[in-house]
Structure formats: structure tokens, C-alpha cells
Amino acid sequence: MSKREDIFEKLDNLIEQNQFELVFDKVDDNRLKVIYLMNDAVESFIVFENARITGEYIKDYQGEINTSLTVQKNDSTGNDEYVLVVHQKDSVCTVFFEDVSLEVNLYNYGRTAHFWIEGYEYLRQLEYKISILRDKLDYLGEKYCNDLEKELANLTDFPPLNYCFYPSVPEKYLVPRDNPWEPTDKAISVMLKVAREQQDKMLYQVLVLYKQFKNRKLAKVIATMLHRKSHRKVVESLMEKMTEATKNYPTRKFGKAADNEHKKILTRAKQLQNKLKHKKIKSEIFVEEPFVVATDSIEYKVYLMIWKKSLINTKVEIQEIK
């Protein structure tokens, strides 16, 4: 498959999912961008090159979309051009373009977190990052992921750590996956490796059993073990691996003024983290940030996740740094 054919296939997949959203409804530098995949790990777009648009495009349209794609001669240039007609109920817009390209912007998401659900936040932020990593792998392919990311992406198929037990978003916002309760051997092998590295013999033995008998009862047992204090090292190791896997990706930039403000908040977070460290209290800094290209409702926020003393279950406190 050629590069162009691959991009057109990606466009077809978007349309099949009833997704077609232009970043802007006007041509910029002879280009129009359609949102392909947007999450904390990546902002990617299908770009129509040498494009022009006619008709009315409804930016926040939520209904069914119908499209047709044909090829014709451009009367002005004599070149072949694609004609994409987009129907949004009674509105129609037509995009004319000569070629397509894929724009991909990768970002560091190792310290990204959204604390939308209370309880076991240290596991929910892991579930979130594993999920967006898997989307990055599925939608863009292996060339956009390093080896450690490819390994960690398998954990989407590990029910004790996916949204079956520790969803990071409320149920109405969940995007269901096929067979979320069915673990894969690859996913269990990743967990076996981490348990072995952390010398967690009890968890290792249960994982071996789970690999042989993949049932929900054992999944629940393992999910419970993951929030026990006695298995905290395994969870922390997974968090560290995610940080390691993403450290070489750039951070988002929002302009000099905004970046300076964000830096001040991060500095305050680090100062508080150092004070806690002197008291022998461990904490993690997490960041919530908006997209760079396509605006959304998320505001830039910095949090400290403070590990609390506990007897049985691992507990944390989430503190927003103003």
C-alpha cells in the first residue's frame, strides 16, 4: 500500500466512524486539516493539499455525516483533483484538493493525568495513559511508538488494569473495546516481567495462574492486589516505565506568555514536592493541558499526587497547585 493509499484508508475509517471534523473551515496556506487522532500523546491530522472549500461546513455538528469522493480535472490548472462532498443534514460543503498528507505531532504524556474519578487515582492515571498509548499504536502504527511503548500498550488487554476495574473517565464517556474482559498472553507476560523485577512472588504466582485460567474471578483478585500496599512497588514500576517510555517526546508549547505562567506553577509544585520529600513523603507531579492546534475545554493544571501512609490499601491525596 502506498503512503497516499494509507492516508485515504485512514480518511475512510474516520468517515465510517461518522467522524469528520475540520480544524478550521477556511483554507490556510492552501491546506485544510481534518482531525485524525487527538489525545494527550498525539495530535494528528489528515491534510488536504492545494485545497479549496465551498458551501457551508457546520463546526459543531453532531449528527450523521454522508460523503462522496470523486476525481475530476481542475479547469484552472489542468491537474487531477479530488472532490469530497460532505453532507451534514441539510448543509453541504465541498472540498477540492490535489493531494493528501498526514501531519503527526507526538508529545510527552508520561506525566499527564486527569483526575475525573476519585479513588485509586494512581491506577486510573495508568489506565488512561495505557489507553491513549494503545490508540496511538492502533491508529498511527508501530513507527510512531518506541519499543517500551509497544510493550506497555499490551496492557490494554489486561482487565485488572483496564477500564473493567479502574476507568479513568465516567462510564458515559467510555469508548468500549472488543472483549475488554479477555486478557492476552502478551499482556500477562508484561505484568509477569514487572512482578519478577520487583520480586513480588505472590503477585507473580497469581499471574501465572491467571495465564492458565483466564477468568473474571482471578481478574478481580489481581485488581484488588494492585491497590494493596504490599504490591505498591509493581504499580510504581509501571508508572516509572511509562515516564521512561515517553521522556524523549517534546512537551506542548502554547506561546511565551502562557509557557512562562505554566513554568511558575510547575516551580511551585516542585517546591512543595521538595518540602514533602524532606518529611520523607513521596509525591508525583502530574499535568493536565489542552491541545495545541485544536482548542478544547481543558485548562492547564498541575497536580501533586501525594502517597499517604496506610495499613492495607494504598492511598493517595490529589492536590491542585494554584
Protein backbone atom coordinates (compact mmCIF):
# COMPACT_ATOMS: atom_id res chain seq x y z
CA MET A 1 0.00 0.00 0.00
CA SER A 2 1.36 3.44 -0.95
CA LYS A 3 1.58 6.31 1.53
CA ARG A 4 -1.29 8.11 -0.21
CA GLU A 5 -3.47 4.97 -0.17
CA ASP A 6 -2.76 4.56 3.54
CA ILE A 7 -3.91 8.12 4.25
CA PHE A 8 -7.07 7.67 2.20
CA GLU A 9 -7.77 4.49 4.16
CA LYS A 10 -7.41 6.48 7.37
CA LEU A 11 -9.88 9.03 5.98
CA ASP A 12 -12.31 6.22 5.09
CA ASN A 13 -12.03 4.86 8.64
CA LEU A 14 -12.88 8.28 10.06
CA ILE A 15 -15.93 8.62 7.87
CA GLU A 16 -17.09 5.07 8.70
CA GLN A 17 -16.98 6.10 12.37
CA ASN A 18 -19.10 9.16 11.48
CA GLN A 19 -16.15 11.41 12.30
CA PHE A 20 -15.24 14.32 10.07
CA GLU A 21 -14.05 17.48 11.80
CA LEU A 22 -12.10 20.25 10.10
CA VAL A 23 -9.71 22.15 12.35
CA PHE A 24 -10.71 25.35 10.56
CA ASP A 25 -13.38 25.83 7.91
CA LYS A 26 -11.12 28.08 5.84
CA VAL A 27 -8.09 27.20 3.75
CA ASP A 28 -4.78 28.18 5.35
CA ASP A 29 -1.70 28.27 3.11
CA ASN A 30 -3.58 26.14 0.54
CA ARG A 31 -4.22 23.45 3.15
CA LEU A 32 -7.21 22.11 5.07
CA LYS A 33 -6.80 19.87 8.12
CA VAL A 34 -9.13 17.12 9.30
CA ILE A 35 -8.66 15.87 12.86
CA TYR A 36 -7.48 12.26 12.76
CA LEU A 37 -6.37 11.40 16.31
CA MET A 38 -6.29 13.82 19.22
CA ASN A 39 -5.22 12.81 22.70
CA ASP A 40 -2.52 13.66 25.23
CA ALA A 41 0.02 11.53 23.37
CA VAL A 42 -0.53 12.81 19.84
CA GLU A 43 -2.24 15.46 17.75
CA SER A 44 -2.57 14.21 14.17
CA PHE A 45 -4.35 15.46 11.08
CA ILE A 46 -5.16 14.39 7.55
CA VAL A 47 -4.15 17.36 5.42
CA PHE A 48 -5.76 18.25 2.10
CA GLU A 49 -3.07 19.88 -0.04
CA ASN A 50 -3.76 22.66 -2.59
CA ALA A 51 -7.28 22.76 -1.23
CA ARG A 52 -10.32 24.95 -1.55
CA ILE A 53 -13.73 24.67 0.06
CA THR A 54 -17.22 25.77 -0.96
CA GLY A 55 -20.60 25.58 0.73
CA GLU A 56 -21.36 25.57 4.46
CA TYR A 57 -19.46 23.49 7.00
CA ILE A 58 -21.06 23.20 10.46
CA LYS A 59 -18.24 23.12 13.02
CA ASP A 60 -20.09 21.57 15.99
CA TYR A 61 -22.39 19.27 14.04
CA GLN A 62 -23.21 16.07 15.95
CA GLY A 63 -25.44 14.14 13.56
CA GLU A 64 -24.85 11.64 10.79
CA ILE A 65 -22.40 12.54 8.03
CA ASN A 66 -22.64 11.37 4.42
CA THR A 67 -19.75 11.80 2.00
CA SER A 68 -18.71 11.02 -1.55
CA LEU A 69 -15.25 11.20 -3.10
CA THR A 70 -14.57 11.55 -6.82
CA VAL A 71 -11.73 12.67 -9.09
CA GLN A 72 -12.00 15.33 -11.76
CA LYS A 73 -9.89 17.76 -13.80
CA ASN A 74 -9.23 21.19 -12.32
CA ASP A 75 -10.24 23.65 -15.06
CA SER A 76 -7.72 26.24 -13.85
CA THR A 77 -4.61 24.06 -13.57
CA GLY A 78 -5.45 21.08 -15.74
CA ASN A 79 -4.38 18.77 -12.89
CA ASP A 80 -6.42 15.95 -11.44
CA GLU A 81 -8.11 16.92 -8.19
CA TYR A 82 -10.19 15.09 -5.62
CA VAL A 83 -13.70 16.26 -4.80
CA LEU A 84 -15.01 15.38 -1.34
CA VAL A 85 -18.67 16.24 -0.79
CA VAL A 86 -19.75 16.31 2.87
CA HIS A 87 -23.45 16.28 3.81
CA GLN A 88 -24.34 17.45 7.32
CA LYS A 89 -28.13 17.03 7.35
CA ASP A 90 -29.34 19.88 5.08
CA SER A 91 -25.94 21.55 4.77
CA VAL A 92 -23.40 20.60 2.12
CA CYS A 93 -19.76 21.58 1.79
CA THR A 94 -17.36 20.50 -0.93
CA VAL A 95 -13.60 20.18 -0.50
CA PHE A 96 -11.42 20.23 -3.60
CA PHE A 97 -7.81 19.10 -3.16
CA GLU A 98 -4.91 17.74 -5.23
CA ASP A 99 -3.15 15.55 -2.68
CA VAL A 100 -3.19 14.36 0.94
CA SER A 101 -0.59 14.16 3.69
CA LEU A 102 -0.52 13.11 7.33
CA GLU A 103 0.66 15.55 10.00
CA VAL A 104 1.66 13.93 13.29
CA ASN A 105 2.76 15.78 16.42
CA LEU A 106 3.92 13.50 19.24
CA TYR A 107 4.05 14.69 22.85
CA ASN A 108 5.36 13.57 26.23
CA TYR A 109 2.37 12.12 28.12
CA GLY A 110 4.26 10.33 30.90
CA ARG A 111 3.29 12.98 33.47
CA THR A 112 -0.20 13.59 32.08
CA ALA A 113 -3.22 12.78 34.22
CA HIS A 114 -6.89 13.67 34.53
CA PHE A 115 -8.40 13.11 37.94
CA TRP A 116 -12.04 12.78 36.97
CA ILE A 117 -12.91 9.86 39.29
CA GLU A 118 -12.00 9.63 42.97
CA GLY A 119 -10.33 6.58 44.47
CA TYR A 120 -7.26 4.63 43.37
CA GLU A 121 -6.13 7.58 41.26
CA TYR A 122 -2.66 6.05 40.88
CA LEU A 123 -4.24 3.18 38.94
CA ARG A 124 -6.72 5.29 36.98
CA GLN A 125 -4.00 7.55 35.60
CA LEU A 126 -2.16 4.42 34.46
CA GLU A 127 -5.30 3.10 32.75
CA TYR A 128 -5.69 6.43 30.98
CA LYS A 129 -2.14 6.56 29.65
CA ILE A 130 -2.18 2.92 28.55
CA SER A 131 -5.43 3.59 26.70
CA ILE A 132 -4.19 6.65 24.77
CA LEU A 133 -0.94 4.82 24.02
CA ARG A 134 -2.91 1.93 22.52
CA ASP A 135 -4.92 4.37 20.39
CA LYS A 136 -1.67 5.91 19.18
CA LEU A 137 -0.39 2.47 18.21
CA ASP A 138 -3.64 1.31 16.59
CA TYR A 139 -4.34 4.49 14.62
CA LEU A 140 -0.81 5.50 13.59
CA GLY A 141 1.20 2.28 13.63
CA GLU A 142 4.38 0.97 15.20
CA LYS A 143 6.71 3.53 13.61
CA TYR A 144 5.27 6.19 15.94
CA CYS A 145 5.98 4.14 19.08
CA ASN A 146 9.24 3.06 20.70
CA ASP A 147 9.87 -0.49 21.91
CA LEU A 148 8.86 0.20 25.51
CA GLU A 149 5.62 1.83 24.37
CA LYS A 150 4.80 -1.20 22.22
CA GLU A 151 5.32 -3.40 25.26
CA LEU A 152 3.20 -1.27 27.60
CA ALA A 153 0.40 -0.91 25.03
CA ASN A 154 -0.36 -4.61 25.55
CA LEU A 155 -1.74 -3.77 28.98
CA THR A 156 -4.97 -2.54 27.39
CA ASP A 157 -5.69 -6.28 27.17
CA PHE A 158 -5.09 -6.79 30.90
CA PRO A 159 -8.53 -6.49 32.58
CA PRO A 160 -7.24 -5.96 36.15
CA LEU A 161 -5.65 -2.71 34.94
CA ASN A 162 -8.01 -1.52 32.20
CA TYR A 163 -11.40 0.17 32.43
CA CYS A 164 -13.07 -3.03 33.66
CA PHE A 165 -11.84 -2.12 37.16
CA TYR A 166 -10.12 1.27 37.10
CA PRO A 167 -11.75 3.51 34.46
CA SER A 168 -10.25 6.98 34.27
CA VAL A 169 -13.44 8.55 32.89
CA PRO A 170 -17.13 8.23 33.85
CA GLU A 171 -18.99 5.40 32.14
CA LYS A 172 -20.87 7.66 29.69
CA TYR A 173 -17.52 8.77 28.20
CA LEU A 174 -16.00 5.31 27.87
CA VAL A 175 -15.11 4.16 24.39
CA PRO A 176 -15.70 0.40 24.59
CA ARG A 177 -13.16 -2.05 23.17
CA ASP A 178 -13.85 -5.51 21.85
CA ASN A 179 -13.67 -8.14 24.59
CA PRO A 180 -12.21 -5.96 27.39
CA TRP A 181 -12.51 -8.89 29.83
CA GLU A 182 -10.33 -11.19 27.73
CA PRO A 183 -6.63 -10.93 28.65
CA THR A 184 -3.92 -11.75 26.16
CA ASP A 185 -0.80 -13.78 26.92
CA LYS A 186 1.31 -10.79 25.86
CA ALA A 187 -0.39 -8.55 28.41
CA ILE A 188 0.03 -11.07 31.22
CA SER A 189 3.67 -11.56 30.23
CA VAL A 190 4.30 -7.83 30.65
CA MET A 191 2.88 -7.99 34.17
CA LEU A 192 4.85 -11.15 34.95
CA LYS A 193 8.02 -9.34 33.93
CA VAL A 194 7.30 -6.38 36.22
CA ALA A 195 6.33 -8.63 39.14
CA ARG A 196 9.56 -10.57 38.69
CA GLU A 197 11.63 -7.37 38.55
CA GLN A 198 10.04 -6.17 41.79
CA GLN A 199 10.39 -9.59 43.40
CA ASP A 200 6.67 -9.72 44.10
CA LYS A 201 6.37 -13.51 44.41
CA MET A 202 2.73 -13.58 45.47
CA LEU A 203 1.51 -11.48 42.54
CA TYR A 204 3.75 -13.44 40.19
CA GLN A 205 2.18 -16.73 41.27
CA VAL A 206 -1.36 -15.41 40.82
CA LEU A 207 -0.44 -14.06 37.37
CA VAL A 208 0.88 -17.48 36.37
CA LEU A 209 -2.47 -18.93 37.43
CA TYR A 210 -4.31 -16.20 35.54
CA LYS A 211 -2.39 -17.02 32.36
CA GLN A 212 -3.64 -20.58 32.64
CA PHE A 213 -7.20 -19.83 33.80
CA LYS A 214 -8.31 -16.54 32.25
CA ASN A 215 -11.48 -15.88 34.25
CA ARG A 216 -13.11 -12.86 35.87
CA LYS A 217 -12.69 -14.18 39.40
CA LEU A 218 -8.91 -14.18 39.09
CA ALA A 219 -9.03 -10.80 37.34
CA LYS A 220 -10.83 -9.38 40.35
CA VAL A 221 -8.27 -10.91 42.71
CA ILE A 222 -5.39 -9.31 40.79
CA ALA A 223 -7.20 -5.96 40.52
CA THR A 224 -7.56 -5.97 44.30
CA MET A 225 -3.89 -6.89 44.78
CA LEU A 226 -2.84 -3.91 42.65
CA HIS A 227 -4.29 -1.47 45.17
CA ARG A 228 -2.83 -3.23 48.18
CA LYS A 229 0.11 -1.61 49.93
CA SER A 230 2.07 -4.88 49.68
CA HIS A 231 2.09 -4.65 45.84
CA ARG A 232 2.67 -0.91 45.51
CA LYS A 233 6.16 -1.38 44.03
CA VAL A 234 4.68 -3.03 40.96
CA VAL A 235 2.36 -0.08 40.37
CA GLU A 236 5.17 2.42 40.90
CA SER A 237 7.35 0.46 38.50
CA LEU A 238 4.67 0.66 35.81
CA MET A 239 4.40 4.41 36.36
CA GLU A 240 8.18 4.76 36.04
CA LYS A 241 8.19 2.70 32.85
CA MET A 242 5.55 4.97 31.34
CA THR A 243 7.65 8.02 32.25
CA GLU A 244 10.75 6.38 30.75
CA ALA A 245 8.92 5.42 27.55
CA THR A 246 7.75 8.99 26.91
CA LYS A 247 10.63 11.12 28.17
CA ASN A 248 12.13 11.86 24.73
CA TYR A 249 8.93 13.30 23.29
CA PRO A 250 8.57 17.10 23.39
CA THR A 251 6.24 18.92 25.75
CA ARG A 252 3.45 21.08 24.39
CA LYS A 253 4.20 24.76 23.83
CA PHE A 254 1.49 27.43 24.00
CA GLY A 255 3.41 30.63 23.40
CA LYS A 256 5.93 32.53 25.52
CA ALA A 257 3.47 34.18 27.92
CA ALA A 258 1.46 31.01 28.60
CA ASP A 259 4.58 28.84 28.87
CA ASN A 260 6.08 31.22 31.46
CA GLU A 261 2.86 31.05 33.51
CA HIS A 262 2.88 27.27 33.32
CA LYS A 263 6.52 27.21 34.38
CA LYS A 264 5.68 29.22 37.51
CA ILE A 265 3.00 26.72 38.51
CA LEU A 266 5.38 23.80 37.91
CA THR A 267 8.03 25.54 40.01
CA ARG A 268 5.57 25.87 42.91
CA ALA A 269 4.70 22.18 42.54
CA LYS A 270 8.39 21.19 42.67
CA GLN A 271 8.95 23.39 45.73
CA LEU A 272 6.09 21.71 47.56
CA GLN A 273 7.33 18.31 46.40
CA ASN A 274 10.78 19.07 47.89
CA LYS A 275 9.22 20.08 51.21
CA LEU A 276 7.32 16.80 51.31
CA LYS A 277 10.49 14.92 50.40
CA HIS A 278 12.27 16.39 53.44
CA LYS A 279 9.45 14.94 55.52
CA LYS A 280 10.01 11.60 53.77
CA ILE A 281 6.67 11.85 51.98
CA LYS A 282 6.70 10.73 48.35
CA SER A 283 4.71 12.59 45.71
CA GLU A 284 4.32 12.74 41.92
CA ILE A 285 3.73 15.79 39.72
CA PHE A 286 1.08 15.47 37.03
CA VAL A 287 -0.07 17.92 34.38
CA GLU A 288 -3.40 18.42 32.64
CA GLU A 289 -3.17 20.51 29.47
CA PRO A 290 -5.22 21.48 26.41
CA PHE A 291 -4.44 20.64 22.82
CA VAL A 292 -2.13 22.92 20.86
CA VAL A 293 -3.80 23.02 17.43
CA ALA A 294 -7.48 22.34 18.08
CA THR A 295 -8.86 24.09 21.14
CA ASP A 296 -10.82 22.14 23.73
CA SER A 297 -12.34 22.76 27.16
CA ILE A 298 -9.33 21.52 29.15
CA GLU A 299 -7.34 24.15 31.06
CA TYR A 300 -3.69 23.86 32.03
CA LYS A 301 -3.48 22.47 35.56
CA VAL A 302 -0.76 20.98 37.75
CA TYR A 303 -1.38 18.41 40.46
CA LEU A 304 0.58 16.72 43.20
CA MET A 305 -0.36 13.11 43.87
CA ILE A 306 0.79 12.53 47.43
CA TRP A 307 1.27 8.97 48.66
CA LYS A 308 -0.35 8.56 52.09
CA LYS A 309 0.51 6.22 54.93
CA SER A 310 -1.87 3.28 55.09
CA LEU A 311 -2.22 -0.17 56.59
CA ILE A 312 -3.74 -2.25 53.79
CA ASN A 313 -4.83 -0.30 50.72
CA THR A 314 -2.53 2.18 49.04
CA LYS A 315 -3.98 5.68 49.31
CA VAL A 316 -3.10 8.99 47.72
CA GLU A 317 -4.19 12.59 48.06
CA ILE A 318 -4.61 14.77 44.96
CA GLN A 319 -3.72 18.42 45.42
CA GLU A 320 -4.10 21.02 42.67
CA ILE A 321 -1.35 23.61 42.58
CA LYS A 322 -2.86 27.04 42.03
